[in-house]
PDB file of N, CA and C in Angstrom:
ATOM      1  N   MET A   1      55.766  63.705  -6.913  1.00  0.00           N
ATOM      2  CA  MET A   1      56.446  62.862  -6.567  1.00  0.00           C
ATOM      3  C   MET A   1      57.551  62.953  -5.707  1.00  0.00           C
ATOM      4  N   ILE A   2      57.950  62.359  -4.648  1.00  0.00           N
ATOM      5  CA  ILE A   2      59.031  62.793  -3.573  1.00  0.00           C
ATOM      6  C   ILE A   2      60.221  63.144  -4.351  1.00  0.00           C
ATOM      7  N   ASN A   3      61.051  64.256  -4.008  1.00  0.00           N
ATOM      8  CA  ASN A   3      62.162  64.357  -4.576  1.00  0.00           C
ATOM      9  C   ASN A   3      63.149  63.747  -3.467  1.00  0.00           C
ATOM     10  N   LEU A   4      63.764  62.534  -3.787  1.00  0.00           N
ATOM     11  CA  LEU A   4      64.579  61.984  -2.749  1.00  0.00           C
ATOM     12  C   LEU A   4      65.806  62.649  -2.440  1.00  0.00           C
ATOM     13  N   GLU A   5      66.555  63.118  -3.204  1.00  0.00           N
ATOM     14  CA  GLU A   5      67.610  63.897  -3.239  1.00  0.00           C
ATOM     15  C   GLU A   5      67.388  65.124  -1.886  1.00  0.00           C
ATOM     16  N   LYS A   6      66.156  65.898  -2.254  1.00  0.00           N
ATOM     17  CA  LYS A   6      65.820  66.652  -1.582  1.00  0.00           C
ATOM     18  C   LYS A   6      65.782  66.312   0.149  1.00  0.00           C
ATOM     19  N   THR A   7      64.660  65.362   0.080  1.00  0.00           N
ATOM     20  CA  THR A   7      64.243  64.608   1.331  1.00  0.00           C
ATOM     21  C   THR A   7      65.452  64.492   1.996  1.00  0.00           C
ATOM     22  N   LYS A   8      66.400  63.695   1.429  1.00  0.00           N
ATOM     23  CA  LYS A   8      67.619  63.394   2.023  1.00  0.00           C
ATOM     24  C   LYS A   8      68.765  64.593   2.661  1.00  0.00           C
ATOM     25  N   GLU A   9      68.465  65.697   2.060  1.00  0.00           N
ATOM     26  CA  GLU A   9      69.143  66.856   2.477  1.00  0.00           C
ATOM     27  C   GLU A   9      68.509  67.456   3.579  1.00  0.00           C
ATOM     28  N   HIS A  10      67.168  67.320   3.522  1.00  0.00           N
ATOM     29  CA  HIS A  10      66.270  67.930   4.666  1.00  0.00           C
ATOM     30  C   HIS A  10      66.731  67.335   5.934  1.00  0.00           C
ATOM     31  N   LEU A  11      66.878  65.915   5.739  1.00  0.00           N
ATOM     32  CA  LEU A  11      66.698  64.876   6.735  1.00  0.00           C
ATOM     33  C   LEU A  11      68.257  64.872   7.309  1.00  0.00           C
ATOM     34  N   GLU A  12      69.195  65.108   6.370  1.00  0.00           N
ATOM     35  CA  GLU A  12      70.457  65.424   7.144  1.00  0.00           C
ATOM     36  C   GLU A  12      70.755  66.786   8.019  1.00  0.00           C
ATOM     37  N   ALA A  13      70.014  67.755   7.437  1.00  0.00           N
ATOM     38  CA  ALA A  13      70.148  68.822   8.253  1.00  0.00           C
ATOM     39  C   ALA A  13      69.427  68.566   9.409  1.00  0.00           C
ATOM     40  N   ARG A  14      68.220  68.348   9.526  1.00  0.00           N
ATOM     41  CA  ARG A  14      67.424  68.203  10.764  1.00  0.00           C
ATOM     42  C   ARG A  14      68.322  67.318  11.440  1.00  0.00           C
ATOM     43  N   LEU A  15      68.996  66.183  11.251  1.00  0.00           N
ATOM     44  CA  LEU A  15      69.749  65.243  11.914  1.00  0.00           C
ATOM     45  C   LEU A  15      70.893  66.267  12.548  1.00  0.00           C
ATOM     46  N   ILE A  16      71.626  67.302  11.815  1.00  0.00           N
ATOM     47  CA  ILE A  16      72.878  67.886  12.349  1.00  0.00           C
ATOM     48  C   ILE A  16      72.261  69.058  13.561  1.00  0.00           C
ATOM     49  N   GLU A  17      70.623  69.502  13.487  1.00  0.00           N
ATOM     50  CA  GLU A  17      70.178  70.190  14.153  1.00  0.00           C
ATOM     51  C   GLU A  17      69.861  69.520  15.596  1.00  0.00           C
ATOM     52  N   LEU A  18      69.410  68.418  15.190  1.00  0.00           N
ATOM     53  CA  LEU A  18      69.106  67.517  16.593  1.00  0.00           C
ATOM     54  C   LEU A  18      70.230  66.882  17.401  1.00  0.00           C
ATOM     55  N   THR A  19      71.126  66.472  16.559  1.00  0.00           N
ATOM     56  CA  THR A  19      72.675  66.333  17.701  1.00  0.00           C
ATOM     57  C   THR A  19      73.032  67.471  18.339  1.00  0.00           C
ATOM     58  N   GLU A  20      72.949  68.673  17.887  1.00  0.00           N
ATOM     59  CA  GLU A  20      73.357  69.854  18.255  1.00  0.00           C
ATOM     60  C   GLU A  20      72.364  69.799  19.618  1.00  0.00           C
ATOM     61  N   LYS A  21      71.295  69.883  19.400  1.00  0.00           N
ATOM     62  CA  LYS A  21      70.398  70.112  20.759  1.00  0.00           C
ATOM     63  C   LYS A  21      70.659  69.147  21.497  1.00  0.00           C
ATOM     64  N   ALA A  22      70.789  67.713  21.245  1.00  0.00           N
ATOM     65  CA  ALA A  22      71.038  66.656  22.276  1.00  0.00           C
ATOM     66  C   ALA A  22      72.606  66.834  22.919  1.00  0.00           C
ATOM     67  N   SER A  23      73.228  67.574  22.130  1.00  0.00           N
ATOM     68  CA  SER A  23      74.566  67.680  22.955  1.00  0.00           C
ATOM     69  C   SER A  23      74.341  68.626  24.153  1.00  0.00           C
ATOM     70  N   GLU A  24      73.346  69.741  23.611  1.00  0.00           N
ATOM     71  CA  GLU A  24      73.203  70.962  24.652  1.00  0.00           C
ATOM     72  C   GLU A  24      72.515  70.416  25.930  1.00  0.00           C
ATOM     73  N   ILE A  25      71.423  69.383  25.529  1.00  0.00           N
ATOM     74  CA  ILE A  25      70.759  68.865  26.426  1.00  0.00           C
ATOM     75  C   ILE A  25      71.810  67.890  27.425  1.00  0.00           C
ATOM     76  N   ASP A  26      72.501  67.191  26.900  1.00  0.00           N
ATOM     77  CA  ASP A  26      73.366  66.596  27.613  1.00  0.00           C
ATOM     78  C   ASP A  26      74.447  67.276  28.683  1.00  0.00           C
ATOM     79  N   GLN A  27      74.913  68.462  28.138  1.00  0.00           N
ATOM     80  CA  GLN A  27      75.613  69.447  28.813  1.00  0.00           C
ATOM     81  C   GLN A  27      74.567  70.100  29.992  1.00  0.00           C
ATOM     82  N   ALA A  28      73.507  70.236  29.663  1.00  0.00           N
ATOM     83  CA  ALA A  28      72.945  70.712  30.863  1.00  0.00           C
ATOM     84  C   ALA A  28      72.340  69.909  31.730  1.00  0.00           C
ATOM     85  N   LEU A  29      72.111  68.690  31.638  1.00  0.00           N
ATOM     86  CA  LEU A  29      72.147  67.846  32.736  1.00  0.00           C
ATOM     87  C   LEU A  29      73.330  67.724  33.594  1.00  0.00           C
ATOM     88  N   ARG A  30      74.544  67.388  32.706  1.00  0.00           N
ATOM     89  CA  ARG A  30      75.836  67.358  33.647  1.00  0.00           C
ATOM     90  C   ARG A  30      76.082  68.584  34.203  1.00  0.00           C
ATOM     91  N   ASP A  31      75.571  69.820  34.585  1.00  0.00           N
ATOM     92  CA  ASP A  31      75.813  70.774  35.019  1.00  0.00           C
ATOM     93  C   ASP A  31      75.403  70.563  36.676  1.00  0.00           C
ATOM     94  N   PRO A  32      76.355  70.514  37.451  1.00  0.00           N
ATOM     95  CA  PRO A  32      76.176  70.055  38.934  1.00  0.00           C
ATOM     96  C   PRO A  32      75.189  70.928  39.656  1.00  0.00           C
ATOM     97  N   GLY A  33      74.657  72.087  39.050  1.00  0.00           N
ATOM     98  CA  GLY A  33      73.754  72.906  39.702  1.00  0.00           C
ATOM     99  C   GLY A  33      74.209  73.640  41.137  1.00  0.00           C
ATOM    100  N   SER A  34      72.844  74.046  41.729  1.00  0.00           N
ATOM    101  CA  SER A  34      73.351  74.996  42.968  1.00  0.00           C
ATOM    102  C   SER A  34      73.170  74.046  43.989  1.00  0.00           C
ATOM    103  N   ALA A  35      74.173  74.502  45.260  1.00  0.00           N
ATOM    104  CA  ALA A  35      74.217  73.916  46.280  1.00  0.00           C
ATOM    105  C   ALA A  35      73.042  74.073  47.547  1.00  0.00           C
ATOM    106  N   ASP A  36      72.261  75.053  46.942  1.00  0.00           N
ATOM    107  CA  ASP A  36      70.884  75.741  47.608  1.00  0.00           C
ATOM    108  C   ASP A  36      70.030  74.680  47.539  1.00  0.00           C
ATOM    109  N   TRP A  37      69.368  74.212  48.797  1.00  0.00           N
ATOM    110  CA  TRP A  37      68.566  73.198  48.478  1.00  0.00           C
ATOM    111  C   TRP A  37      67.283  73.918  47.751  1.00  0.00           C
ATOM    112  N   GLU A  38      66.705  74.463  48.088  1.00  0.00           N
ATOM    113  CA  GLU A  38      65.481  75.116  47.238  1.00  0.00           C
ATOM    114  C   GLU A  38      65.480  75.155  45.564  1.00  0.00           C
ATOM    115  N   GLU A  39      66.932  75.880  45.409  1.00  0.00           N
ATOM    116  CA  GLU A  39      67.170  76.089  44.036  1.00  0.00           C
ATOM    117  C   GLU A  39      67.639  74.792  43.680  1.00  0.00           C
ATOM    118  N   HIS A  40      68.207  74.020  44.226  1.00  0.00           N
ATOM    119  CA  HIS A  40      68.241  72.425  43.596  1.00  0.00           C
ATOM    120  C   HIS A  40      67.243  71.796  43.369  1.00  0.00           C
ATOM    121  N   ALA A  41      66.129  71.802  44.045  1.00  0.00           N
ATOM    122  CA  ALA A  41      64.473  71.336  43.864  1.00  0.00           C
ATOM    123  C   ALA A  41      64.061  71.654  42.512  1.00  0.00           C
ATOM    124  N   THR A  42      64.398  72.995  42.299  1.00  0.00           N
ATOM    125  CA  THR A  42      63.733  73.542  40.976  1.00  0.00           C
ATOM    126  C   THR A  42      64.706  73.117  39.869  1.00  0.00           C
ATOM    127  N   GLU A  43      65.729  73.222  40.120  1.00  0.00           N
ATOM    128  CA  GLU A  43      66.639  72.755  38.825  1.00  0.00           C
ATOM    129  C   GLU A  43      66.278  71.393  38.774  1.00  0.00           C
ATOM    130  N   SER A  44      66.315  70.440  39.709  1.00  0.00           N
ATOM    131  CA  SER A  44      65.903  68.813  39.598  1.00  0.00           C
ATOM    132  C   SER A  44      64.472  68.650  38.578  1.00  0.00           C
ATOM    133  N   GLU A  45      63.531  69.841  39.092  1.00  0.00           N
ATOM    134  CA  GLU A  45      62.178  69.931  37.957  1.00  0.00           C
ATOM    135  C   GLU A  45      62.442  69.862  36.587  1.00  0.00           C
ATOM    136  N   GLY A  46      63.608  71.155  36.601  1.00  0.00           N
ATOM    137  CA  GLY A  46      63.906  71.344  34.973  1.00  0.00           C
ATOM    138  C   GLY A  46      64.688  70.337  34.356  1.00  0.00           C
ATOM    139  N   ASP A  47      65.254  69.781  35.232  1.00  0.00           N
ATOM    140  CA  ASP A  47      66.116  68.372  34.839  1.00  0.00           C
ATOM    141  C   ASP A  47      65.202  67.309  33.995  1.00  0.00           C
ATOM    142  N   GLU A  48      64.255  67.239  34.832  1.00  0.00           N
ATOM    143  CA  GLU A  48      63.192  66.199  34.283  1.00  0.00           C
ATOM    144  C   GLU A  48      62.564  66.646  32.860  1.00  0.00           C
ATOM    145  N   VAL A  49      62.506  67.879  32.520  1.00  0.00           N
ATOM    146  CA  VAL A  49      61.984  68.399  31.776  1.00  0.00           C
ATOM    147  C   VAL A  49      63.088  68.010  30.492  1.00  0.00           C
ATOM    148  N   LEU A  50      64.214  68.593  30.839  1.00  0.00           N
ATOM    149  CA  LEU A  50      65.148  68.279  29.960  1.00  0.00           C
ATOM    150  C   LEU A  50      65.460  66.710  29.637  1.00  0.00           C
ATOM    151  N   GLU A  51      65.143  66.056  30.513  1.00  0.00           N
ATOM    152  CA  GLU A  51      65.566  64.314  30.218  1.00  0.00           C
ATOM    153  C   GLU A  51      64.327  64.061  29.292  1.00  0.00           C
ATOM    154  N   ASP A  52      63.303  64.600  29.395  1.00  0.00           N
ATOM    155  CA  ASP A  52      61.979  64.113  28.587  1.00  0.00           C
ATOM    156  C   ASP A  52      62.248  64.689  27.099  1.00  0.00           C
ATOM    157  N   MET A  53      63.088  65.826  26.973  1.00  0.00           N
ATOM    158  CA  MET A  53      63.094  66.646  25.696  1.00  0.00           C
ATOM    159  C   MET A  53      64.406  65.764  24.938  1.00  0.00           C
ATOM    160  N   GLY A  54      65.526  65.279  25.990  1.00  0.00           N
ATOM    161  CA  GLY A  54      66.176  64.372  25.322  1.00  0.00           C
ATOM    162  C   GLY A  54      65.897  63.181  24.818  1.00  0.00           C
ATOM    163  N   LYS A  55      64.966  62.567  25.392  1.00  0.00           N
ATOM    164  CA  LYS A  55      64.487  61.343  24.927  1.00  0.00           C
ATOM    165  C   LYS A  55      63.538  61.198  23.516  1.00  0.00           C
ATOM    166  N   ALA A  56      63.220  62.535  23.473  1.00  0.00           N
ATOM    167  CA  ALA A  56      62.273  62.865  22.336  1.00  0.00           C
ATOM    168  C   ALA A  56      63.131  63.274  20.975  1.00  0.00           C
ATOM    169  N   VAL A  57      64.291  63.771  21.299  1.00  0.00           N
ATOM    170  CA  VAL A  57      65.263  64.289  20.596  1.00  0.00           C
ATOM    171  C   VAL A  57      66.267  62.697  19.920  1.00  0.00           C
ATOM    172  N   VAL A  58      66.506  62.081  20.898  1.00  0.00           N
ATOM    173  CA  VAL A  58      66.797  60.684  20.475  1.00  0.00           C
ATOM    174  C   VAL A  58      65.903  59.785  19.704  1.00  0.00           C
ATOM    175  N   ASP A  59      64.663  59.714  20.048  1.00  0.00           N
ATOM    176  CA  ASP A  59      63.729  59.207  19.130  1.00  0.00           C
ATOM    177  C   ASP A  59      63.742  59.481  17.726  1.00  0.00           C
ATOM    178  N   GLU A  60      63.612  60.928  17.583  1.00  0.00           N
ATOM    179  CA  GLU A  60      63.644  61.391  16.073  1.00  0.00           C
ATOM    180  C   GLU A  60      64.735  61.400  15.563  1.00  0.00           C
ATOM    181  N   ILE A  61      66.158  61.425  16.238  1.00  0.00           N
ATOM    182  CA  ILE A  61      67.304  61.064  15.685  1.00  0.00           C
ATOM    183  C   ILE A  61      67.304  59.362  15.029  1.00  0.00           C
ATOM    184  N   THR A  62      66.704  58.442  15.577  1.00  0.00           N
ATOM    185  CA  THR A  62      66.712  57.389  15.581  1.00  0.00           C
ATOM    186  C   THR A  62      65.597  57.230  14.075  1.00  0.00           C
ATOM    187  N   GLN A  63      64.696  57.707  14.179  1.00  0.00           N
ATOM    188  CA  GLN A  63      63.703  57.872  13.212  1.00  0.00           C
ATOM    189  C   GLN A  63      64.308  58.301  12.011  1.00  0.00           C
ATOM    190  N   ILE A  64      65.197  59.613  11.645  1.00  0.00           N
ATOM    191  CA  ILE A  64      65.654  60.476  10.947  1.00  0.00           C
ATOM    192  C   ILE A  64      66.537  58.775  10.236  1.00  0.00           C
ATOM    193  N   ASN A  65      67.434  58.387  11.180  1.00  0.00           N
ATOM    194  CA  ASN A  65      68.626  57.551  10.705  1.00  0.00           C
ATOM    195  C   ASN A  65      67.838  56.300   9.743  1.00  0.00           C
ATOM    196  N   THR A  66      66.836  55.687  10.612  1.00  0.00           N
ATOM    197  CA  THR A  66      66.270  54.622   9.670  1.00  0.00           C
ATOM    198  C   THR A  66      65.545  55.095   8.548  1.00  0.00           C
ATOM    199  N   ALA A  67      65.216  56.433   8.233  1.00  0.00           N
ATOM    200  CA  ALA A  67      64.533  56.874   6.991  1.00  0.00           C
ATOM    201  C   ALA A  67      65.777  57.220   6.015  1.00  0.00           C
ATOM    202  N   LEU A  68      67.094  57.688   6.314  1.00  0.00           N
ATOM    203  CA  LEU A  68      68.045  57.888   5.528  1.00  0.00           C
ATOM    204  C   LEU A  68      68.307  56.257   5.165  1.00  0.00           C
ATOM    205  N   GLN A  69      68.210  55.417   5.837  1.00  0.00           N
ATOM    206  CA  GLN A  69      68.570  54.142   5.550  1.00  0.00           C
ATOM    207  C   GLN A  69      67.795  53.605   4.329  1.00  0.00           C
ATOM    208  N   ARG A  70      66.423  53.798   4.702  1.00  0.00           N
ATOM    209  CA  ARG A  70      65.534  53.229   3.645  1.00  0.00           C
ATOM    210  C   ARG A  70      65.490  54.197   2.384  1.00  0.00           C
ATOM    211  N   ILE A  71      66.154  55.260   2.358  1.00  0.00           N
ATOM    212  CA  ILE A  71      66.465  55.897   1.234  1.00  0.00           C
ATOM    213  C   ILE A  71      67.532  55.234   0.262  1.00  0.00           C
ATOM    214  N   GLU A  72      68.519  55.060   1.246  1.00  0.00           N
ATOM    215  CA  GLU A  72      69.677  54.310   0.662  1.00  0.00           C
ATOM    216  C   GLU A  72      69.295  52.900  -0.092  1.00  0.00           C
ATOM    217  N   ILE A  73      68.303  51.877   0.397  1.00  0.00           N
ATOM    218  CA  ILE A  73      68.191  51.076   0.206  1.00  0.00           C
ATOM    219  C   ILE A  73      66.880  50.862  -0.966  1.00  0.00           C
ATOM    220  N   GLY A  74      66.438  52.089  -0.859  1.00  0.00           N
ATOM    221  CA  GLY A  74      65.317  52.161  -1.873  1.00  0.00           C
ATOM    222  C   GLY A  74      64.039  51.794  -1.396  1.00  0.00           C
ATOM    223  N   THR A  75      63.890  51.631  -0.179  1.00  0.00           N
ATOM    224  CA  THR A  75      62.236  51.306   0.383  1.00  0.00           C
ATOM    225  C   THR A  75      61.838  52.578   0.971  1.00  0.00           C
ATOM    226  N   TYR A  76      62.429  53.753   0.657  1.00  0.00           N
ATOM    227  CA  TYR A  76      61.658  54.786   1.473  1.00  0.00           C
ATOM    228  C   TYR A  76      60.337  55.082   0.639  1.00  0.00           C
ATOM    229  N   GLY A  77      59.465  55.400   1.659  1.00  0.00           N
ATOM    230  CA  GLY A  77      58.162  55.534   1.040  1.00  0.00           C
ATOM    231  C   GLY A  77      57.301  54.736   1.074  1.00  0.00           C
ATOM    232  N   GLU A  78      57.697  53.676   1.445  1.00  0.00           N
ATOM    233  CA  GLU A  78      56.869  52.297   1.486  1.00  0.00           C
ATOM    234  C   GLU A  78      56.654  52.012   2.923  1.00  0.00           C
ATOM    235  N   CYS A  79      55.265  51.583   3.357  1.00  0.00           N
ATOM    236  CA  CYS A  79      54.908  51.278   4.716  1.00  0.00           C
ATOM    237  C   CYS A  79      55.641  50.174   5.073  1.00  0.00           C
ATOM    238  N   THR A  80      56.452  50.256   6.487  1.00  0.00           N
ATOM    239  CA  THR A  80      56.900  49.258   7.139  1.00  0.00           C
ATOM    240  C   THR A  80      56.206  48.091   7.557  1.00  0.00           C
ATOM    241  N   ARG A  81      54.834  48.258   7.821  1.00  0.00           N
ATOM    242  CA  ARG A  81      53.897  47.204   8.414  1.00  0.00           C
ATOM    243  C   ARG A  81      52.971  46.616   7.371  1.00  0.00           C
ATOM    244  N   CYS A  82      52.397  47.342   6.287  1.00  0.00           N
ATOM    245  CA  CYS A  82      51.935  46.799   5.445  1.00  0.00           C
ATOM    246  C   CYS A  82      52.500  46.930   3.840  1.00  0.00           C
ATOM    247  N   GLY A  83      53.339  47.400   3.790  1.00  0.00           N
ATOM    248  CA  GLY A  83      54.019  47.198   2.603  1.00  0.00           C
ATOM    249  C   GLY A  83      53.726  48.364   1.385  1.00  0.00           C
ATOM    250  N   GLU A  84      52.539  49.233   1.528  1.00  0.00           N
ATOM    251  CA  GLU A  84      51.800  49.942   0.693  1.00  0.00           C
ATOM    252  C   GLU A  84      52.546  51.476   0.748  1.00  0.00           C
ATOM    253  N   THR A  85      52.296  52.033  -0.432  1.00  0.00           N
ATOM    254  CA  THR A  85      53.055  53.381  -0.493  1.00  0.00           C
ATOM    255  C   THR A  85      52.331  54.459   0.376  1.00  0.00           C
ATOM    256  N   ILE A  86      53.297  55.076   1.078  1.00  0.00           N
ATOM    257  CA  ILE A  86      52.957  55.913   2.261  1.00  0.00           C
ATOM    258  C   ILE A  86      52.483  57.220   1.112  1.00  0.00           C
ATOM    259  N   ASP A  87      51.248  58.002   1.581  1.00  0.00           N
ATOM    260  CA  ASP A  87      50.968  59.026   0.952  1.00  0.00           C
ATOM    261  C   ASP A  87      51.957  60.326   0.981  1.00  0.00           C
ATOM    262  N   GLU A  88      52.296  60.715  -0.178  1.00  0.00           N
ATOM    263  CA  GLU A  88      53.158  61.873  -0.544  1.00  0.00           C
ATOM    264  C   GLU A  88      53.277  63.303   0.686  1.00  0.00           C
ATOM    265  N   LYS A  89      51.774  63.656   0.684  1.00  0.00           N
ATOM    266  CA  LYS A  89      51.315  64.487   1.645  1.00  0.00           C
ATOM    267  C   LYS A  89      52.091  64.273   3.273  1.00  0.00           C
ATOM    268  N   ARG A  90      51.786  62.905   3.536  1.00  0.00           N
ATOM    269  CA  ARG A  90      52.392  62.452   4.816  1.00  0.00           C
ATOM    270  C   ARG A  90      53.812  62.504   4.864  1.00  0.00           C
ATOM    271  N   LEU A  91      54.566  62.084   3.915  1.00  0.00           N
ATOM    272  CA  LEU A  91      55.858  62.071   3.705  1.00  0.00           C
ATOM    273  C   LEU A  91      56.495  63.686   3.949  1.00  0.00           C
ATOM    274  N   LYS A  92      55.661  64.595   3.297  1.00  0.00           N
ATOM    275  CA  LYS A  92      56.236  65.785   3.194  1.00  0.00           C
ATOM    276  C   LYS A  92      55.809  66.666   4.815  1.00  0.00           C
ATOM    277  N   ALA A  93      55.163  65.967   5.431  1.00  0.00           N
ATOM    278  CA  ALA A  93      54.779  66.487   6.976  1.00  0.00           C
ATOM    279  C   ALA A  93      55.552  65.807   7.956  1.00  0.00           C
ATOM    280  N   LEU A  94      55.861  64.366   7.479  1.00  0.00           N
ATOM    281  CA  LEU A  94      56.674  63.518   8.553  1.00  0.00           C
ATOM    282  C   LEU A  94      57.570  62.824   7.644  1.00  0.00           C
ATOM    283  N   PRO A  95      58.747  63.191   7.240  1.00  0.00           N
ATOM    284  CA  PRO A  95      59.919  62.837   6.316  1.00  0.00           C
ATOM    285  C   PRO A  95      60.526  61.505   6.642  1.00  0.00           C
ATOM    286  N   PHE A  96      60.344  61.410   8.352  1.00  0.00           N
ATOM    287  CA  PHE A  96      60.934  60.381   8.631  1.00  0.00           C
ATOM    288  C   PHE A  96      59.947  59.324   8.953  1.00  0.00           C
ATOM    289  N   THR A  97      58.710  59.391   8.764  1.00  0.00           N
ATOM    290  CA  THR A  97      57.707  58.346   9.021  1.00  0.00           C
ATOM    291  C   THR A  97      58.024  57.227   8.424  1.00  0.00           C
ATOM    292  N   ALA A  98      57.751  56.077   8.853  1.00  0.00           N
ATOM    293  CA  ALA A  98      57.969  54.811   8.388  1.00  0.00           C
ATOM    294  C   ALA A  98      56.593  53.869   8.178  1.00  0.00           C
ATOM    295  N   ASN A  99      55.835  54.741   8.334  1.00  0.00           N
ATOM    296  CA  ASN A  99      54.328  54.024   8.379  1.00  0.00           C
ATOM    297  C   ASN A  99      53.418  54.720   7.559  1.00  0.00           C
ATOM    298  N   CYS A 100      52.299  54.122   6.837  1.00  0.00           N
ATOM    299  CA  CYS A 100      51.194  54.889   5.937  1.00  0.00           C
ATOM    300  C   CYS A 100      50.060  55.441   7.458  1.00  0.00           C
ATOM    301  N   LEU A 101      49.172  56.555   6.790  1.00  0.00           N
ATOM    302  CA  LEU A 101      48.444  56.481   7.760  1.00  0.00           C
ATOM    303  C   LEU A 101      47.412  55.613   8.686  1.00  0.00           C
ATOM    304  N   ASP A 102      47.095  54.655   7.957  1.00  0.00           N
ATOM    305  CA  ASP A 102      46.264  53.694   8.334  1.00  0.00           C
ATOM    306  C   ASP A 102      47.124  52.851   9.375  1.00  0.00           C
ATOM    307  N   CYS A 103      48.399  52.270   9.074  1.00  0.00           N
ATOM    308  CA  CYS A 103      48.872  51.568   9.987  1.00  0.00           C
ATOM    309  C   CYS A 103      49.641  52.405  11.311  1.00  0.00           C
ATOM    310  N   ALA A 104      49.764  53.621  11.066  1.00  0.00           N
ATOM    311  CA  ALA A 104      50.135  54.528  12.186  1.00  0.00           C
ATOM    312  C   ALA A 104      48.752  54.637  13.299  1.00  0.00           C
ATOM    313  N   ARG A 105      47.859  54.765  12.657  1.00  0.00           N
ATOM    314  CA  ARG A 105      46.677  54.784  13.583  1.00  0.00           C
ATOM    315  C   ARG A 105      46.508  53.427  14.238  1.00  0.00           C
ATOM    316  N   GLU A 106      46.508  52.424  13.491  1.00  0.00           N
ATOM    317  CA  GLU A 106      46.495  50.972  14.328  1.00  0.00           C
ATOM    318  C   GLU A 106      47.572  50.459  15.183  1.00  0.00           C
ATOM    319  N   ALA A 107      48.849  51.543  14.955  1.00  0.00           N
ATOM    320  CA  ALA A 107      49.613  51.407  16.195  1.00  0.00           C
ATOM    321  C   ALA A 107      49.675  52.268  17.339  1.00  0.00           C
ATOM    322  N   GLU A 108      48.609  53.127  17.060  1.00  0.00           N
ATOM    323  CA  GLU A 108      48.521  53.984  18.433  1.00  0.00           C
ATOM    324  C   GLU A 108      47.088  53.574  19.097  1.00  0.00           C
ATOM    325  N   ALA A 109      46.429  52.665  18.372  1.00  0.00           N
ATOM    326  CA  ALA A 109      45.037  52.044  19.204  1.00  0.00           C
ATOM    327  C   ALA A 109      45.353  51.038  20.478  1.00  0.00           C
TER     328      ALA A 109
END
């Protein structure tokens, strides 16, 4: 059985890490960069990578916040699509997941 208190602590710790990472990415993207044209082009490519990383971080933050809300209201571990219980192994691997494996596969198809 999933220990909700431990899961909540883990999610909150991860949320702190991601918030710091998002701040670092935001700061790096605000850096005006070089005036040298060639160097600026290289930095622009790096900015695209940072923007993608930033989007992934924001997505995970959103998923974690939603998981924390589900813990608070007592629906954590229930698939948001079918209502079935999410396998404990899946929750341990992806503690912020909202869907059981079958529904996650359907959503990807």
